[in-house]
Amino acid sequence: MSATTAPEPMESLPVRSTGTPVVLDRREGPFGEVVLRERGEHFEIIANGCFLMDTSDGRSERLL
């Protein structure tokens, strides 16, 4: 069994201020609500009111 190490901290992310988000779709599922929003040229995914990810940077998704 090998020990896992925590990833190195990411540098600060830029603050997004590209306007008001527009809800493109909203669905209820067995684990709650998922919302797809568009903010400027980027998209956001919100699950049960909790921000999950967007397309503005991508570093965290690439680390996965």
N, C-alpha and C. Protein backbone atom coordinates (compact mmCIF):
# COMPACT_ATOMS: atom_id res chain seq x y z
N MET A 1 0.86 -1.18 0.00
CA MET A 1 0.00 0.00 0.00
C MET A 1 0.89 1.23 0.00
N SER A 2 0.68 2.15 -0.92
CA SER A 2 1.49 3.36 -0.99
C SER A 2 0.73 4.53 -0.39
N ALA A 3 1.49 5.42 0.20
CA ALA A 3 0.88 6.61 0.79
C ALA A 3 0.59 7.61 -0.31
N THR A 4 -0.52 8.30 -0.20
CA THR A 4 -0.84 9.34 -1.18
C THR A 4 -0.48 10.69 -0.59
N THR A 5 -0.09 11.59 -1.45
CA THR A 5 0.24 12.93 -1.00
C THR A 5 -0.80 13.90 -1.50
N ALA A 6 -1.01 14.92 -0.74
CA ALA A 6 -1.99 15.95 -1.13
C ALA A 6 -1.42 16.77 -2.28
N PRO A 7 -2.27 17.19 -3.20
CA PRO A 7 -1.78 18.03 -4.29
C PRO A 7 -1.29 19.37 -3.77
N GLU A 8 -0.35 19.95 -4.49
CA GLU A 8 0.14 21.26 -4.10
C GLU A 8 -0.96 22.29 -4.27
N PRO A 9 -1.02 23.30 -3.38
CA PRO A 9 -2.08 24.32 -3.49
C PRO A 9 -1.97 25.07 -4.81
N MET A 10 -3.13 25.41 -5.35
CA MET A 10 -3.18 26.18 -6.58
C MET A 10 -3.03 27.66 -6.25
N GLU A 11 -2.48 28.41 -7.19
CA GLU A 11 -2.39 29.85 -6.99
C GLU A 11 -3.80 30.44 -6.97
N SER A 12 -3.94 31.64 -6.49
CA SER A 12 -5.26 32.27 -6.41
C SER A 12 -5.92 32.34 -7.78
N LEU A 13 -7.20 32.05 -7.81
CA LEU A 13 -7.96 32.11 -9.05
C LEU A 13 -8.47 33.53 -9.26
N PRO A 14 -8.58 33.97 -10.50
CA PRO A 14 -9.10 35.31 -10.75
C PRO A 14 -10.58 35.40 -10.39
N VAL A 15 -11.01 36.56 -9.95
CA VAL A 15 -12.41 36.78 -9.60
C VAL A 15 -13.20 36.96 -10.89
N ARG A 16 -14.32 36.23 -11.00
CA ARG A 16 -15.16 36.34 -12.19
C ARG A 16 -16.14 37.50 -12.00
N SER A 17 -16.19 38.37 -12.95
CA SER A 17 -17.16 39.46 -12.89
C SER A 17 -17.65 39.76 -14.30
N THR A 18 -18.16 38.75 -14.98
CA THR A 18 -18.55 38.92 -16.38
C THR A 18 -20.06 39.02 -16.53
N GLY A 19 -20.73 39.61 -15.58
CA GLY A 19 -22.16 39.83 -15.73
C GLY A 19 -23.02 38.87 -14.93
N THR A 20 -24.30 39.05 -15.10
CA THR A 20 -25.31 38.26 -14.40
C THR A 20 -25.45 36.89 -15.06
N PRO A 21 -25.48 35.81 -14.27
CA PRO A 21 -25.65 34.48 -14.86
C PRO A 21 -27.06 34.29 -15.42
N VAL A 22 -27.15 33.53 -16.50
CA VAL A 22 -28.43 33.20 -17.12
C VAL A 22 -28.64 31.69 -16.99
N VAL A 23 -29.78 31.28 -16.41
CA VAL A 23 -30.08 29.86 -16.25
C VAL A 23 -30.48 29.28 -17.61
N LEU A 24 -29.72 28.28 -18.08
CA LEU A 24 -30.01 27.63 -19.35
C LEU A 24 -30.89 26.40 -19.16
N ASP A 25 -30.70 25.67 -18.06
CA ASP A 25 -31.49 24.48 -17.79
C ASP A 25 -31.45 24.18 -16.31
N ARG A 26 -32.51 23.57 -15.82
CA ARG A 26 -32.64 23.23 -14.40
C ARG A 26 -33.34 21.88 -14.35
N ARG A 27 -32.74 20.91 -13.67
CA ARG A 27 -33.33 19.56 -13.59
C ARG A 27 -33.31 19.05 -12.16
N GLU A 28 -34.39 18.37 -11.79
CA GLU A 28 -34.47 17.67 -10.52
C GLU A 28 -34.09 16.22 -10.75
N GLY A 29 -33.29 15.66 -9.87
CA GLY A 29 -32.89 14.27 -9.97
C GLY A 29 -33.01 13.61 -8.61
N PRO A 30 -32.60 12.36 -8.52
CA PRO A 30 -32.72 11.62 -7.26
C PRO A 30 -31.86 12.21 -6.14
N PHE A 31 -30.84 13.01 -6.48
CA PHE A 31 -29.96 13.58 -5.47
C PHE A 31 -30.12 15.09 -5.35
N GLY A 32 -31.16 15.65 -5.95
CA GLY A 32 -31.42 17.08 -5.85
C GLY A 32 -31.41 17.78 -7.20
N GLU A 33 -31.25 19.09 -7.16
CA GLU A 33 -31.34 19.92 -8.34
C GLU A 33 -29.96 20.21 -8.94
N VAL A 34 -29.87 20.20 -10.26
CA VAL A 34 -28.66 20.59 -10.99
C VAL A 34 -29.05 21.72 -11.94
N VAL A 35 -28.25 22.78 -11.96
CA VAL A 35 -28.53 23.94 -12.79
C VAL A 35 -27.33 24.21 -13.70
N LEU A 36 -27.60 24.44 -14.98
CA LEU A 36 -26.59 24.87 -15.94
C LEU A 36 -26.81 26.35 -16.19
N ARG A 37 -25.78 27.16 -15.93
CA ARG A 37 -25.88 28.60 -16.14
C ARG A 37 -24.81 29.06 -17.12
N GLU A 38 -25.12 30.16 -17.79
CA GLU A 38 -24.15 30.82 -18.66
C GLU A 38 -23.85 32.18 -18.06
N ARG A 39 -22.56 32.50 -17.94
CA ARG A 39 -22.14 33.81 -17.43
C ARG A 39 -21.12 34.35 -18.42
N GLY A 40 -21.56 35.29 -19.25
CA GLY A 40 -20.68 35.78 -20.31
C GLY A 40 -20.41 34.66 -21.30
N GLU A 41 -19.14 34.37 -21.55
CA GLU A 41 -18.77 33.30 -22.48
C GLU A 41 -18.52 31.97 -21.79
N HIS A 42 -18.75 31.90 -20.48
CA HIS A 42 -18.47 30.68 -19.71
C HIS A 42 -19.74 30.04 -19.19
N PHE A 43 -19.64 28.75 -18.86
CA PHE A 43 -20.76 27.98 -18.31
C PHE A 43 -20.44 27.57 -16.89
N GLU A 44 -21.48 27.43 -16.05
CA GLU A 44 -21.34 27.02 -14.65
C GLU A 44 -22.29 25.87 -14.35
N ILE A 45 -21.86 24.98 -13.46
CA ILE A 45 -22.73 23.91 -12.98
C ILE A 45 -22.92 24.12 -11.48
N ILE A 46 -24.19 24.15 -11.08
CA ILE A 46 -24.58 24.36 -9.69
C ILE A 46 -25.41 23.15 -9.27
N ALA A 47 -25.06 22.52 -8.15
CA ALA A 47 -25.82 21.37 -7.65
C ALA A 47 -26.35 21.70 -6.26
N ASN A 48 -27.67 21.65 -6.12
CA ASN A 48 -28.32 21.94 -4.84
C ASN A 48 -27.86 23.26 -4.25
N GLY A 49 -27.70 24.26 -5.13
CA GLY A 49 -27.31 25.60 -4.69
C GLY A 49 -25.82 25.76 -4.44
N CYS A 50 -25.02 24.71 -4.66
CA CYS A 50 -23.58 24.75 -4.40
C CYS A 50 -22.82 24.80 -5.73
N PHE A 51 -22.00 25.82 -5.91
CA PHE A 51 -21.20 25.94 -7.12
C PHE A 51 -20.24 24.75 -7.22
N LEU A 52 -20.24 24.06 -8.36
CA LEU A 52 -19.33 22.93 -8.56
C LEU A 52 -18.15 23.27 -9.46
N MET A 53 -18.44 23.79 -10.65
CA MET A 53 -17.37 24.08 -11.59
C MET A 53 -17.86 25.02 -12.69
N ASP A 54 -16.89 25.60 -13.40
CA ASP A 54 -17.22 26.40 -14.58
C ASP A 54 -16.14 26.22 -15.62
N THR A 55 -16.31 26.86 -16.75
CA THR A 55 -15.37 26.71 -17.86
C THR A 55 -14.38 27.86 -17.94
N SER A 56 -14.28 28.69 -16.91
CA SER A 56 -13.43 29.87 -17.00
C SER A 56 -11.95 29.58 -16.82
N ASP A 57 -11.59 28.49 -16.15
CA ASP A 57 -10.17 28.25 -15.87
C ASP A 57 -9.76 26.83 -16.27
N GLY A 58 -10.31 25.83 -15.63
CA GLY A 58 -10.04 24.45 -16.00
C GLY A 58 -8.90 23.77 -15.27
N ARG A 59 -8.15 24.49 -14.43
CA ARG A 59 -7.02 23.86 -13.74
C ARG A 59 -7.46 22.74 -12.81
N SER A 60 -8.52 22.97 -12.04
CA SER A 60 -8.95 21.92 -11.10
C SER A 60 -9.45 20.69 -11.84
N GLU A 61 -10.14 20.88 -12.97
CA GLU A 61 -10.62 19.74 -13.75
C GLU A 61 -9.46 18.95 -14.34
N ARG A 62 -8.43 19.63 -14.79
CA ARG A 62 -7.27 18.94 -15.34
C ARG A 62 -6.53 18.15 -14.26
N LEU A 63 -6.52 18.65 -13.02
CA LEU A 63 -5.87 17.93 -11.93
C LEU A 63 -6.59 16.63 -11.60
N LEU A 64 -7.90 16.58 -11.84
CA LEU A 64 -8.65 15.35 -11.57
C LEU A 64 -8.20 14.27 -12.52
